[in-house]
Amino acid sequence: MADRISPAQRSANMSRIKGRDTRPELHVRHLLHALGYRYVLHMAGLPGTPDIIFSKRRKVIFVHGCFWHQHDGCRNARIPKSNTIFWEAKLSRNVERDQQNLEKLSELGWGVLIIWECEIDKHAHTRDKITRFLGPPRLGS
């Protein structure tokens, strides 16, 4: 199936997709702050450059887009109908890289929580998932 838009327009659209400070990530950060957690952002020295880091707790949170990280069973994780060979290869590399980063973080003694984009709207679910993972907030965390 041919792409509905020109390569130049597709390139322009793709260039506007952010890797940091996305709407889902900002939502999770605001929720964390409201719950009393304090954190560091995007620590480059850690595998995968986690989105949110809790150094004293040795825990990190990744806020993953369902499409880009291929959330298993999610309707937002469909492969585009045009240029499918490219997309399957690209997205499967993302999934492989994610798995390698999770393994490396685990080997280094870091706990990892992934919050999927599609979970963000389920506020109570996300809040419970975070508090189970991090435990109670404490001063200076």
N, C-alpha and C. Protein backbone atom coordinates (compact mmCIF):
# COMPACT_ATOMS: atom_id res chain seq x y z
N MET A 1 0.84 -1.18 0.00
CA MET A 1 0.00 0.00 0.00
C MET A 1 0.89 1.24 0.00
N ALA A 2 0.60 2.18 -0.85
CA ALA A 2 1.38 3.40 -0.96
C ALA A 2 1.04 4.35 0.19
N ASP A 3 2.03 5.12 0.58
CA ASP A 3 1.82 6.11 1.63
C ASP A 3 0.89 7.20 1.12
N ARG A 4 0.03 7.70 2.00
CA ARG A 4 -0.94 8.72 1.60
C ARG A 4 -0.34 10.11 1.51
N ILE A 5 0.83 10.30 2.11
CA ILE A 5 1.45 11.62 2.06
C ILE A 5 2.86 11.49 1.47
N SER A 6 3.39 12.63 1.06
CA SER A 6 4.70 12.64 0.40
C SER A 6 5.81 12.30 1.40
N PRO A 7 6.95 11.82 0.90
CA PRO A 7 8.07 11.55 1.80
C PRO A 7 8.51 12.78 2.59
N ALA A 8 8.45 13.97 1.97
CA ALA A 8 8.84 15.19 2.67
C ALA A 8 7.88 15.49 3.82
N GLN A 9 6.58 15.32 3.57
CA GLN A 9 5.60 15.56 4.63
C GLN A 9 5.73 14.51 5.73
N ARG A 10 5.97 13.26 5.37
CA ARG A 10 6.16 12.19 6.35
C ARG A 10 7.37 12.51 7.23
N SER A 11 8.46 12.96 6.60
CA SER A 11 9.66 13.32 7.33
C SER A 11 9.39 14.47 8.30
N ALA A 12 8.64 15.46 7.83
CA ALA A 12 8.29 16.61 8.70
C ALA A 12 7.46 16.14 9.89
N ASN A 13 6.50 15.25 9.63
CA ASN A 13 5.66 14.73 10.72
C ASN A 13 6.51 13.97 11.74
N MET A 14 7.39 13.11 11.25
CA MET A 14 8.21 12.29 12.14
C MET A 14 9.18 13.15 12.95
N SER A 15 9.67 14.22 12.37
CA SER A 15 10.64 15.07 13.07
C SER A 15 10.02 15.78 14.27
N ARG A 16 8.69 15.90 14.29
CA ARG A 16 8.01 16.57 15.40
C ARG A 16 7.71 15.63 16.57
N ILE A 17 8.00 14.34 16.42
CA ILE A 17 7.76 13.39 17.51
C ILE A 17 8.89 13.51 18.51
N LYS A 18 8.51 13.81 19.75
CA LYS A 18 9.52 14.05 20.79
C LYS A 18 9.90 12.74 21.48
N GLY A 19 11.12 12.69 21.96
CA GLY A 19 11.58 11.54 22.72
C GLY A 19 11.55 11.81 24.22
N ARG A 20 11.47 13.08 24.59
CA ARG A 20 11.45 13.49 25.99
C ARG A 20 10.33 14.48 26.21
N ASP A 21 9.91 14.58 27.46
CA ASP A 21 8.88 15.54 27.85
C ASP A 21 7.60 15.36 27.03
N THR A 22 7.26 14.12 26.75
CA THR A 22 6.03 13.82 26.03
C THR A 22 4.84 14.03 26.97
N ARG A 23 3.66 14.13 26.43
CA ARG A 23 2.47 14.33 27.25
C ARG A 23 2.30 13.19 28.28
N PRO A 24 2.45 11.91 27.89
CA PRO A 24 2.34 10.86 28.90
C PRO A 24 3.41 10.97 29.99
N GLU A 25 4.63 11.30 29.59
CA GLU A 25 5.70 11.44 30.58
C GLU A 25 5.41 12.59 31.54
N LEU A 26 4.97 13.72 31.03
CA LEU A 26 4.64 14.86 31.89
C LEU A 26 3.51 14.51 32.85
N HIS A 27 2.54 13.75 32.36
CA HIS A 27 1.43 13.33 33.22
C HIS A 27 1.94 12.48 34.39
N VAL A 28 2.81 11.53 34.10
CA VAL A 28 3.37 10.67 35.15
C VAL A 28 4.21 11.50 36.12
N ARG A 29 5.00 12.43 35.61
CA ARG A 29 5.82 13.28 36.48
C ARG A 29 4.96 14.13 37.40
N HIS A 30 3.87 14.68 36.88
CA HIS A 30 2.98 15.47 37.72
C HIS A 30 2.33 14.60 38.80
N LEU A 31 1.94 13.39 38.42
CA LEU A 31 1.35 12.47 39.39
C LEU A 31 2.36 12.11 40.48
N LEU A 32 3.58 11.80 40.09
CA LEU A 32 4.63 11.48 41.06
C LEU A 32 4.85 12.63 42.03
N HIS A 33 4.93 13.83 41.50
CA HIS A 33 5.15 15.00 42.35
C HIS A 33 3.98 15.20 43.31
N ALA A 34 2.76 15.05 42.81
CA ALA A 34 1.58 15.20 43.66
C ALA A 34 1.54 14.15 44.77
N LEU A 35 2.08 12.96 44.49
CA LEU A 35 2.13 11.89 45.49
C LEU A 35 3.27 12.09 46.48
N GLY A 36 4.14 13.06 46.24
CA GLY A 36 5.22 13.36 47.17
C GLY A 36 6.57 12.77 46.81
N TYR A 37 6.69 12.19 45.64
CA TYR A 37 7.97 11.61 45.21
C TYR A 37 8.82 12.68 44.54
N ARG A 38 10.12 12.59 44.74
CA ARG A 38 11.06 13.48 44.06
C ARG A 38 12.01 12.61 43.25
N TYR A 39 12.43 13.11 42.12
CA TYR A 39 13.13 12.29 41.15
C TYR A 39 14.08 13.12 40.31
N VAL A 40 14.87 12.43 39.50
CA VAL A 40 15.78 13.04 38.53
C VAL A 40 15.31 12.56 37.15
N LEU A 41 15.56 13.37 36.14
CA LEU A 41 15.12 13.02 34.78
C LEU A 41 16.29 12.60 33.90
N HIS A 42 16.03 11.61 33.06
CA HIS A 42 16.89 11.24 31.92
C HIS A 42 18.37 11.13 32.26
N MET A 43 18.72 10.22 33.15
CA MET A 43 20.11 10.03 33.54
C MET A 43 20.83 9.25 32.43
N ALA A 44 21.67 9.93 31.69
CA ALA A 44 22.31 9.35 30.51
C ALA A 44 23.26 8.21 30.85
N GLY A 45 23.79 8.14 32.05
CA GLY A 45 24.73 7.09 32.40
C GLY A 45 24.11 5.73 32.60
N LEU A 46 22.80 5.65 32.66
CA LEU A 46 22.11 4.37 32.87
C LEU A 46 21.66 3.79 31.53
N PRO A 47 21.66 2.46 31.42
CA PRO A 47 21.20 1.84 30.17
C PRO A 47 19.78 2.28 29.81
N GLY A 48 19.60 2.68 28.57
CA GLY A 48 18.29 3.08 28.08
C GLY A 48 17.89 4.50 28.43
N THR A 49 18.73 5.22 29.16
CA THR A 49 18.43 6.58 29.61
C THR A 49 16.99 6.65 30.15
N PRO A 50 16.75 6.09 31.33
CA PRO A 50 15.39 6.06 31.88
C PRO A 50 14.78 7.46 31.95
N ASP A 51 13.44 7.50 31.86
CA ASP A 51 12.72 8.78 31.90
C ASP A 51 12.75 9.40 33.28
N ILE A 52 12.57 8.58 34.31
CA ILE A 52 12.46 9.08 35.68
C ILE A 52 13.32 8.17 36.58
N ILE A 53 14.17 8.80 37.39
CA ILE A 53 15.12 8.05 38.20
C ILE A 53 14.97 8.40 39.67
N PHE A 54 14.99 7.37 40.51
CA PHE A 54 14.97 7.52 41.96
C PHE A 54 16.27 6.91 42.47
N SER A 55 17.33 7.72 42.51
CA SER A 55 18.68 7.21 42.79
C SER A 55 18.78 6.52 44.13
N LYS A 56 18.24 7.12 45.20
CA LYS A 56 18.36 6.53 46.54
C LYS A 56 17.63 5.20 46.64
N ARG A 57 16.57 5.06 45.91
CA ARG A 57 15.79 3.82 45.92
C ARG A 57 16.34 2.81 44.91
N ARG A 58 17.22 3.27 44.02
CA ARG A 58 17.75 2.46 42.91
C ARG A 58 16.61 1.89 42.07
N LYS A 59 15.71 2.80 41.69
CA LYS A 59 14.57 2.43 40.86
C LYS A 59 14.42 3.45 39.74
N VAL A 60 13.93 2.97 38.60
CA VAL A 60 13.70 3.85 37.46
C VAL A 60 12.32 3.55 36.86
N ILE A 61 11.78 4.56 36.19
CA ILE A 61 10.51 4.40 35.48
C ILE A 61 10.73 4.81 34.03
N PHE A 62 10.24 3.95 33.14
CA PHE A 62 10.17 4.29 31.72
C PHE A 62 8.70 4.54 31.39
N VAL A 63 8.42 5.63 30.70
CA VAL A 63 7.08 5.89 30.19
C VAL A 63 7.14 5.60 28.70
N HIS A 64 6.56 4.46 28.32
CA HIS A 64 6.68 3.98 26.94
C HIS A 64 5.43 4.30 26.12
N GLY A 65 5.67 4.76 24.90
CA GLY A 65 4.60 4.88 23.93
C GLY A 65 4.26 3.50 23.39
N CYS A 66 2.99 3.19 23.34
CA CYS A 66 2.55 1.85 22.93
C CYS A 66 2.99 1.50 21.52
N PHE A 67 2.97 2.47 20.61
CA PHE A 67 3.39 2.22 19.23
C PHE A 67 4.89 2.00 19.15
N TRP A 68 5.67 2.93 19.67
CA TRP A 68 7.12 2.90 19.51
C TRP A 68 7.77 1.72 20.22
N HIS A 69 7.16 1.27 21.31
CA HIS A 69 7.75 0.18 22.09
C HIS A 69 6.92 -1.09 21.98
N GLN A 70 5.93 -1.10 21.11
CA GLN A 70 5.11 -2.27 20.77
C GLN A 70 4.53 -2.97 22.01
N HIS A 71 3.65 -2.25 22.69
CA HIS A 71 2.95 -2.78 23.86
C HIS A 71 2.13 -4.00 23.45
N ASP A 72 2.52 -5.14 23.97
CA ASP A 72 1.90 -6.42 23.59
C ASP A 72 0.40 -6.41 23.87
N GLY A 73 -0.39 -6.69 22.85
CA GLY A 73 -1.84 -6.77 22.99
C GLY A 73 -2.57 -5.44 22.95
N CYS A 74 -1.85 -4.35 22.79
CA CYS A 74 -2.47 -3.02 22.79
C CYS A 74 -2.89 -2.64 21.37
N ARG A 75 -4.06 -2.06 21.22
CA ARG A 75 -4.54 -1.65 19.90
C ARG A 75 -3.72 -0.51 19.30
N ASN A 76 -2.97 0.21 20.15
CA ASN A 76 -2.13 1.31 19.66
C ASN A 76 -0.78 0.83 19.13
N ALA A 77 -0.53 -0.47 19.20
CA ALA A 77 0.77 -1.02 18.80
C ALA A 77 0.73 -1.67 17.43
N ARG A 78 -0.19 -1.26 16.58
CA ARG A 78 -0.30 -1.85 15.24
C ARG A 78 0.80 -1.34 14.32
N ILE A 79 1.25 -2.21 13.44
CA ILE A 79 2.24 -1.85 12.43
C ILE A 79 1.53 -1.08 11.32
N PRO A 80 2.10 0.04 10.87
CA PRO A 80 1.48 0.79 9.77
C PRO A 80 1.33 -0.08 8.52
N LYS A 81 0.31 0.23 7.72
CA LYS A 81 0.02 -0.56 6.52
C LYS A 81 0.94 -0.21 5.36
N SER A 82 1.56 0.95 5.42
CA SER A 82 2.51 1.29 4.35
C SER A 82 3.94 1.10 4.89
N ASN A 83 4.82 0.68 4.01
CA ASN A 83 6.22 0.49 4.34
C ASN A 83 6.40 -0.48 5.52
N THR A 84 5.65 -1.56 5.49
CA THR A 84 5.61 -2.50 6.62
C THR A 84 6.96 -3.15 6.92
N ILE A 85 7.75 -3.43 5.92
CA ILE A 85 9.05 -4.06 6.16
C ILE A 85 9.93 -3.14 7.01
N PHE A 86 9.96 -1.87 6.66
CA PHE A 86 10.72 -0.88 7.43
C PHE A 86 10.22 -0.83 8.88
N TRP A 87 8.88 -0.68 9.04
CA TRP A 87 8.33 -0.51 10.39
C TRP A 87 8.52 -1.76 11.25
N GLU A 88 8.33 -2.92 10.67
CA GLU A 88 8.53 -4.15 11.46
C GLU A 88 9.96 -4.24 11.96
N ALA A 89 10.92 -3.93 11.10
CA ALA A 89 12.33 -3.99 11.50
C ALA A 89 12.63 -2.93 12.56
N LYS A 90 12.19 -1.72 12.34
CA LYS A 90 12.47 -0.63 13.27
C LYS A 90 11.87 -0.91 14.64
N LEU A 91 10.60 -1.27 14.66
CA LEU A 91 9.92 -1.47 15.94
C LEU A 91 10.44 -2.71 16.67
N SER A 92 10.81 -3.74 15.93
CA SER A 92 11.36 -4.93 16.60
C SER A 92 12.74 -4.62 17.19
N ARG A 93 13.52 -3.74 16.53
CA ARG A 93 14.80 -3.30 17.12
C ARG A 93 14.55 -2.53 18.41
N ASN A 94 13.51 -1.70 18.43
CA ASN A 94 13.17 -0.97 19.66
C ASN A 94 12.88 -1.94 20.80
N VAL A 95 12.07 -2.96 20.52
CA VAL A 95 11.69 -3.94 21.54
C VAL A 95 12.94 -4.70 22.02
N GLU A 96 13.80 -5.10 21.11
CA GLU A 96 15.04 -5.80 21.49
C GLU A 96 15.92 -4.92 22.36
N ARG A 97 16.08 -3.66 21.96
CA ARG A 97 16.90 -2.72 22.72
C ARG A 97 16.30 -2.50 24.12
N ASP A 98 14.98 -2.37 24.20
CA ASP A 98 14.32 -2.22 25.50
C ASP A 98 14.64 -3.41 26.40
N GLN A 99 14.54 -4.61 25.86
CA GLN A 99 14.79 -5.82 26.65
C GLN A 99 16.24 -5.86 27.13
N GLN A 100 17.17 -5.52 26.26
CA GLN A 100 18.59 -5.48 26.65
C GLN A 100 18.82 -4.46 27.76
N ASN A 101 18.19 -3.30 27.65
CA ASN A 101 18.35 -2.27 28.68
C ASN A 101 17.76 -2.71 30.02
N LEU A 102 16.61 -3.38 29.98
CA LEU A 102 16.02 -3.90 31.22
C LEU A 102 16.95 -4.91 31.88
N GLU A 103 17.53 -5.79 31.09
CA GLU A 103 18.45 -6.79 31.64
C GLU A 103 19.68 -6.12 32.24
N LYS A 104 20.24 -5.12 31.56
CA LYS A 104 21.42 -4.42 32.07
C LYS A 104 21.10 -3.69 33.37
N LEU A 105 19.96 -3.01 33.41
CA LEU A 105 19.58 -2.31 34.63
C LEU A 105 19.41 -3.29 35.79
N SER A 106 18.78 -4.41 35.53
CA SER A 106 18.58 -5.43 36.56
C SER A 106 19.93 -5.94 37.07
N GLU A 107 20.85 -6.20 36.15
CA GLU A 107 22.19 -6.67 36.53
C GLU A 107 22.91 -5.64 37.39
N LEU A 108 22.64 -4.36 37.18
CA LEU A 108 23.25 -3.28 37.95
C LEU A 108 22.52 -3.03 39.27
N GLY A 109 21.45 -3.79 39.52
CA GLY A 109 20.72 -3.66 40.78
C GLY A 109 19.62 -2.62 40.79
N TRP A 110 19.16 -2.21 39.62
CA TRP A 110 18.08 -1.22 39.53
C TRP A 110 16.75 -1.92 39.34
N GLY A 111 15.73 -1.45 40.05
CA GLY A 111 14.36 -1.89 39.81
C GLY A 111 13.77 -1.06 38.68
N VAL A 112 12.96 -1.69 37.84
CA VAL A 112 12.43 -1.02 36.65
C VAL A 112 10.91 -1.16 36.62
N LEU A 113 10.24 -0.04 36.37
CA LEU A 113 8.79 -0.03 36.14
C LEU A 113 8.55 0.60 34.78
N ILE A 114 7.71 -0.06 33.99
CA ILE A 114 7.30 0.51 32.70
C ILE A 114 5.85 0.91 32.83
N ILE A 115 5.58 2.16 32.51
CA ILE A 115 4.21 2.66 32.46
C ILE A 115 3.91 2.90 30.98
N TRP A 116 2.87 2.24 30.50
CA TRP A 116 2.51 2.34 29.09
C TRP A 116 1.58 3.53 28.87
N GLU A 117 1.72 4.14 27.74
CA GLU A 117 0.92 5.30 27.34
C GLU A 117 -0.58 5.04 27.53
N CYS A 118 -1.04 3.85 27.18
CA CYS A 118 -2.47 3.55 27.26
C CYS A 118 -2.96 3.42 28.71
N GLU A 119 -2.04 3.28 29.67
CA GLU A 119 -2.43 3.16 31.07
C GLU A 119 -2.60 4.51 31.75
N ILE A 120 -2.06 5.55 31.16
CA ILE A 120 -1.99 6.85 31.80
C ILE A 120 -3.37 7.39 32.18
N ASP A 121 -4.37 7.20 31.33
CA ASP A 121 -5.71 7.71 31.61
C ASP A 121 -6.39 6.99 32.77
N LYS A 122 -5.91 5.80 33.09
CA LYS A 122 -6.47 5.06 34.23
C LYS A 122 -5.72 5.51 35.48
N HIS A 123 -6.07 6.72 35.94
CA HIS A 123 -5.32 7.42 36.98
C HIS A 123 -5.11 6.57 38.24
N ALA A 124 -6.16 5.95 38.75
CA ALA A 124 -6.04 5.15 39.98
C ALA A 124 -5.12 3.96 39.76
N HIS A 125 -5.23 3.32 38.61
CA HIS A 125 -4.37 2.18 38.29
C HIS A 125 -2.90 2.60 38.25
N THR A 126 -2.62 3.73 37.60
CA THR A 126 -1.25 4.22 37.50
C THR A 126 -0.72 4.60 38.87
N ARG A 127 -1.53 5.28 39.66
CA ARG A 127 -1.13 5.67 41.02
C ARG A 127 -0.79 4.44 41.85
N ASP A 128 -1.65 3.42 41.81
CA ASP A 128 -1.42 2.19 42.59
C ASP A 128 -0.16 1.46 42.11
N LYS A 129 0.03 1.41 40.81
CA LYS A 129 1.20 0.75 40.24
C LYS A 129 2.49 1.44 40.72
N ILE A 130 2.47 2.76 40.74
CA ILE A 130 3.63 3.53 41.17
C ILE A 130 3.91 3.31 42.65
N THR A 131 2.89 3.42 43.48
CA THR A 131 3.11 3.29 44.93
C THR A 131 3.52 1.87 45.32
N ARG A 132 3.01 0.86 44.63
CA ARG A 132 3.48 -0.51 44.88
C ARG A 132 4.95 -0.65 44.52
N PHE A 133 5.35 -0.03 43.44
CA PHE A 133 6.73 -0.14 42.97
C PHE A 133 7.70 0.65 43.86
N LEU A 134 7.34 1.88 44.20
CA LEU A 134 8.26 2.75 44.92
C LEU A 134 8.14 2.67 46.44
N GLY A 135 7.00 2.23 46.94
CA GLY A 135 6.78 2.30 48.38
C GLY A 135 6.35 3.69 48.75
N PRO A 136 6.22 3.96 50.04
CA PRO A 136 5.75 5.29 50.45
C PRO A 136 6.76 6.38 50.14
N PRO A 137 6.26 7.57 49.81
CA PRO A 137 7.19 8.68 49.57
C PRO A 137 7.91 9.02 50.88
N ARG A 138 9.12 9.51 50.75
CA ARG A 138 9.85 9.95 51.94
C ARG A 138 10.58 11.23 51.60
N LEU A 139 10.95 11.95 52.63
CA LEU A 139 11.65 13.22 52.41
C LEU A 139 12.98 12.96 51.73
N GLY A 140 13.29 13.76 50.75
CA GLY A 140 14.58 13.66 50.06
C GLY A 140 14.69 12.48 49.13
N SER A 141 13.58 11.87 48.73
CA SER A 141 13.68 10.72 47.81
C SER A 141 13.82 11.28 46.43
